[in-house]
Amino acid sequence: MRVMKIPNIAVYALVGVFAVVGLITLPLDVYAWRWPHLIVVLLIGMVLNAAGALGAGDAKFAAATAPFVALSDLSTMLYILAGCAAGGYIIHRIVRASPLRKLVPDWESWTAGKRFPLGFPLGAALAYYIAIPLI
């Protein structure tokens, strides 16, 4: 939110975490079939980016999160993402209009107009999705 960009290193780190943790925790066939999720979501993200619907960093980050999500949980993840996007948007707009903004006055997202840092709800959605079995 500080610079309205998701650094490539964050995307690489997320893919690296799945590469290692997925290999350890998932059966090999399930692990192997999760990798195409990354490609499919990246292609969808590229189309959405070309259409101006989201940023390239958001598309890359969404693709990096895709292998973590089981195909059978796609609808659940989309509901979680929708809730996180709505909540994140509301929280961001409230904080932007409040004195809390002074805590980090140099964030680019405060002055980005209608643009919204989608990485914020994407990260939250992945965290919620991963935490569901722990509840």
C-alpha atoms as a PDB file:
ATOM      1  CA  MET A   1       0.000   0.000   0.000  1.00  0.00           C
ATOM      2  CA  ARG A   2       3.020   2.195   0.496  1.00  0.00           C
ATOM      3  CA  VAL A   3       3.942   2.215  -3.192  1.00  0.00           C
ATOM      4  CA  MET A   4       0.889   0.485  -4.738  1.00  0.00           C
ATOM      5  CA  LYS A   5       3.118  -2.274  -6.105  1.00  0.00           C
ATOM      6  CA  ILE A   6       3.601  -5.890  -5.099  1.00  0.00           C
ATOM      7  CA  PRO A   7       7.325  -6.637  -5.302  1.00  0.00           C
ATOM      8  CA  ASN A   8       8.347  -9.629  -7.391  1.00  0.00           C
ATOM      9  CA  ILE A   9      10.314 -10.973  -4.433  1.00  0.00           C
ATOM     10  CA  ALA A  10       7.047 -11.345  -2.490  1.00  0.00           C
ATOM     11  CA  VAL A  11       5.537 -13.330  -5.354  1.00  0.00           C
ATOM     12  CA  TYR A  12       8.663 -15.501  -5.672  1.00  0.00           C
ATOM     13  CA  ALA A  13       8.683 -16.090  -1.913  1.00  0.00           C
ATOM     14  CA  LEU A  14       5.050 -17.208  -1.941  1.00  0.00           C
ATOM     15  CA  VAL A  15       5.693 -19.620  -4.812  1.00  0.00           C
ATOM     16  CA  GLY A  16       8.790 -20.866  -2.991  1.00  0.00           C
ATOM     17  CA  VAL A  17       6.804 -21.498   0.170  1.00  0.00           C
ATOM     18  CA  PHE A  18       4.294 -23.576  -1.774  1.00  0.00           C
ATOM     19  CA  ALA A  19       7.090 -25.426  -3.572  1.00  0.00           C
ATOM     20  CA  VAL A  20       8.620 -26.542  -0.275  1.00  0.00           C
ATOM     21  CA  VAL A  21       5.637 -26.792   2.082  1.00  0.00           C
ATOM     22  CA  GLY A  22       3.343 -28.280  -0.562  1.00  0.00           C
ATOM     23  CA  LEU A  23       5.869 -30.983  -1.360  1.00  0.00           C
ATOM     24  CA  ILE A  24       6.097 -31.877   2.327  1.00  0.00           C
ATOM     25  CA  THR A  25       2.397 -31.692   3.203  1.00  0.00           C
ATOM     26  CA  LEU A  26       0.502 -32.832   0.104  1.00  0.00           C
ATOM     27  CA  PRO A  27       0.403 -36.178  -1.672  1.00  0.00           C
ATOM     28  CA  LEU A  28       2.616 -35.994  -4.761  1.00  0.00           C
ATOM     29  CA  ASP A  29      -0.263 -36.242  -7.258  1.00  0.00           C
ATOM     30  CA  VAL A  30      -2.213 -33.464  -5.503  1.00  0.00           C
ATOM     31  CA  TYR A  31       0.933 -31.325  -5.297  1.00  0.00           C
ATOM     32  CA  ALA A  32       1.612 -31.779  -9.012  1.00  0.00           C
ATOM     33  CA  TRP A  33      -1.957 -30.847  -9.991  1.00  0.00           C
ATOM     34  CA  ARG A  34      -1.836 -27.625  -7.950  1.00  0.00           C
ATOM     35  CA  TRP A  35       0.853 -26.096 -10.223  1.00  0.00           C
ATOM     36  CA  PRO A  36      -1.513 -25.635 -13.208  1.00  0.00           C
ATOM     37  CA  HIS A  37      -3.645 -23.443 -10.904  1.00  0.00           C
ATOM     38  CA  LEU A  38      -0.800 -20.916 -10.979  1.00  0.00           C
ATOM     39  CA  ILE A  39      -0.722 -20.879 -14.799  1.00  0.00           C
ATOM     40  CA  VAL A  40      -4.512 -20.615 -15.199  1.00  0.00           C
ATOM     41  CA  VAL A  41      -4.851 -17.798 -12.659  1.00  0.00           C
ATOM     42  CA  LEU A  42      -1.874 -15.981 -14.183  1.00  0.00           C
ATOM     43  CA  LEU A  43      -3.475 -16.121 -17.641  1.00  0.00           C
ATOM     44  CA  ILE A  44      -6.806 -14.894 -16.258  1.00  0.00           C
ATOM     45  CA  GLY A  45      -4.945 -12.152 -14.404  1.00  0.00           C
ATOM     46  CA  MET A  46      -3.137 -11.101 -17.578  1.00  0.00           C
ATOM     47  CA  VAL A  47      -6.465 -10.743 -19.377  1.00  0.00           C
ATOM     48  CA  LEU A  48      -7.931  -8.754 -16.478  1.00  0.00           C
ATOM     49  CA  ASN A  49      -4.819  -6.592 -16.367  1.00  0.00           C
ATOM     50  CA  ALA A  50      -5.028  -5.923 -20.098  1.00  0.00           C
ATOM     51  CA  ALA A  51      -8.663  -4.924 -19.590  1.00  0.00           C
ATOM     52  CA  GLY A  52      -7.624  -2.531 -16.808  1.00  0.00           C
ATOM     53  CA  ALA A  53      -9.524  -4.439 -14.122  1.00  0.00           C
ATOM     54  CA  LEU A  54      -6.496  -5.040 -11.874  1.00  0.00           C
ATOM     55  CA  GLY A  55      -2.796  -4.357 -11.691  1.00  0.00           C
ATOM     56  CA  ALA A  56      -0.056  -6.648 -12.941  1.00  0.00           C
ATOM     57  CA  GLY A  57       1.259  -7.155  -9.413  1.00  0.00           C
ATOM     58  CA  ASP A  58      -2.186  -8.188  -8.243  1.00  0.00           C
ATOM     59  CA  ALA A  59      -2.396 -10.682 -11.113  1.00  0.00           C
ATOM     60  CA  LYS A  60       1.014 -12.143 -10.230  1.00  0.00           C
ATOM     61  CA  PHE A  61       0.173 -12.308  -6.533  1.00  0.00           C
ATOM     62  CA  ALA A  62      -3.174 -14.004  -7.203  1.00  0.00           C
ATOM     63  CA  ALA A  63      -1.383 -16.538  -9.413  1.00  0.00           C
ATOM     64  CA  ALA A  64       1.165 -17.207  -6.659  1.00  0.00           C
ATOM     65  CA  THR A  65      -1.640 -17.892  -4.173  1.00  0.00           C
ATOM     66  CA  ALA A  66      -3.516 -20.224  -6.547  1.00  0.00           C
ATOM     67  CA  PRO A  67      -1.545 -23.432  -5.831  1.00  0.00           C
ATOM     68  CA  PHE A  68      -2.485 -23.157  -2.163  1.00  0.00           C
ATOM     69  CA  VAL A  69      -6.193 -23.487  -3.046  1.00  0.00           C
ATOM     70  CA  ALA A  70      -7.761 -26.854  -3.787  1.00  0.00           C
ATOM     71  CA  LEU A  71      -9.931 -26.788  -6.902  1.00  0.00           C
ATOM     72  CA  SER A  72     -12.811 -28.189  -4.843  1.00  0.00           C
ATOM     73  CA  ASP A  73     -12.522 -25.109  -2.597  1.00  0.00           C
ATOM     74  CA  LEU A  74     -12.652 -22.584  -5.449  1.00  0.00           C
ATOM     75  CA  SER A  75     -16.135 -21.302  -4.622  1.00  0.00           C
ATOM     76  CA  THR A  76     -15.238 -21.034  -0.930  1.00  0.00           C
ATOM     77  CA  MET A  77     -12.087 -19.095  -1.790  1.00  0.00           C
ATOM     78  CA  LEU A  78     -14.029 -16.757  -4.081  1.00  0.00           C
ATOM     79  CA  TYR A  79     -16.473 -16.012  -1.257  1.00  0.00           C
ATOM     80  CA  ILE A  80     -13.571 -15.382   1.118  1.00  0.00           C
ATOM     81  CA  LEU A  81     -11.899 -13.140  -1.467  1.00  0.00           C
ATOM     82  CA  ALA A  82     -15.113 -11.202  -2.070  1.00  0.00           C
ATOM     83  CA  GLY A  83     -15.547 -10.637   1.654  1.00  0.00           C
ATOM     84  CA  CYS A  84     -11.921  -9.614   2.089  1.00  0.00           C
ATOM     85  CA  ALA A  85     -12.083  -7.282  -0.908  1.00  0.00           C
ATOM     86  CA  ALA A  86     -15.238  -5.580   0.392  1.00  0.00           C
ATOM     87  CA  GLY A  87     -13.918  -5.400   3.938  1.00  0.00           C
ATOM     88  CA  GLY A  88     -10.478  -4.273   2.814  1.00  0.00           C
ATOM     89  CA  TYR A  89     -11.953  -1.544   0.644  1.00  0.00           C
ATOM     90  CA  ILE A  90     -14.137  -0.269   3.483  1.00  0.00           C
ATOM     91  CA  ILE A  91     -11.298  -0.386   6.023  1.00  0.00           C
ATOM     92  CA  HIS A  92      -8.907   1.354   3.618  1.00  0.00           C
ATOM     93  CA  ARG A  93     -11.392   4.144   2.878  1.00  0.00           C
ATOM     94  CA  ILE A  94     -12.245   4.640   6.571  1.00  0.00           C
ATOM     95  CA  VAL A  95      -8.582   4.817   7.593  1.00  0.00           C
ATOM     96  CA  ARG A  96      -7.809   7.098   4.641  1.00  0.00           C
ATOM     97  CA  ALA A  97     -10.419   9.570   5.933  1.00  0.00           C
ATOM     98  CA  SER A  98      -9.422   9.262   9.599  1.00  0.00           C
ATOM     99  CA  PRO A  99      -6.572  10.558  11.767  1.00  0.00           C
ATOM    100  CA  LEU A 100      -5.031   7.053  11.609  1.00  0.00           C
ATOM    101  CA  ARG A 101      -3.774   8.028   8.154  1.00  0.00           C
ATOM    102  CA  LYS A 102      -1.162  10.193   9.885  1.00  0.00           C
ATOM    103  CA  LEU A 103       0.587   7.024  11.132  1.00  0.00           C
ATOM    104  CA  VAL A 104       1.762   6.335   7.571  1.00  0.00           C
ATOM    105  CA  PRO A 105       1.216   9.614   5.700  1.00  0.00           C
ATOM    106  CA  ASP A 106       3.445   8.732   2.763  1.00  0.00           C
ATOM    107  CA  TRP A 107       1.480   5.702   1.530  1.00  0.00           C
ATOM    108  CA  GLU A 108       0.678   6.108  -2.135  1.00  0.00           C
ATOM    109  CA  SER A 109      -2.665   4.334  -1.719  1.00  0.00           C
ATOM    110  CA  TRP A 110      -4.035   7.344   0.186  1.00  0.00           C
ATOM    111  CA  THR A 111      -3.784   9.523  -2.917  1.00  0.00           C
ATOM    112  CA  ALA A 112      -4.381   6.922  -5.631  1.00  0.00           C
ATOM    113  CA  GLY A 113      -7.903   8.138  -6.388  1.00  0.00           C
ATOM    114  CA  LYS A 114     -10.241   5.292  -7.249  1.00  0.00           C
ATOM    115  CA  ARG A 115      -7.408   2.744  -7.417  1.00  0.00           C
ATOM    116  CA  PHE A 116      -7.369   0.269  -4.548  1.00  0.00           C
ATOM    117  CA  PRO A 117      -4.436  -1.894  -3.357  1.00  0.00           C
ATOM    118  CA  LEU A 118      -5.891  -5.352  -4.070  1.00  0.00           C
ATOM    119  CA  GLY A 119      -2.829  -7.063  -2.575  1.00  0.00           C
ATOM    120  CA  PHE A 120      -4.256  -6.187   0.851  1.00  0.00           C
ATOM    121  CA  PRO A 121      -7.402  -8.358   0.512  1.00  0.00           C
ATOM    122  CA  LEU A 122      -5.590 -11.003  -1.573  1.00  0.00           C
ATOM    123  CA  GLY A 123      -3.162 -11.621   1.273  1.00  0.00           C
ATOM    124  CA  ALA A 124      -5.941 -11.597   3.854  1.00  0.00           C
ATOM    125  CA  ALA A 125      -8.023 -14.044   1.807  1.00  0.00           C
ATOM    126  CA  LEU A 126      -5.126 -16.504   1.578  1.00  0.00           C
ATOM    127  CA  ALA A 127      -4.503 -16.195   5.313  1.00  0.00           C
ATOM    128  CA  TYR A 128      -8.186 -16.839   6.092  1.00  0.00           C
ATOM    129  CA  TYR A 129      -8.336 -19.773   3.677  1.00  0.00           C
ATOM    130  CA  ILE A 130      -5.269 -21.402   5.212  1.00  0.00           C
ATOM    131  CA  ALA A 131      -6.577 -20.748   8.746  1.00  0.00           C
ATOM    132  CA  ILE A 132     -10.012 -22.342   8.179  1.00  0.00           C
ATOM    133  CA  PRO A 133      -8.874 -25.887   9.060  1.00  0.00           C
ATOM    134  CA  LEU A 134      -7.303 -24.571  12.259  1.00  0.00           C
ATOM    135  CA  ILE A 135     -10.599 -23.246  13.584  1.00  0.00           C
END
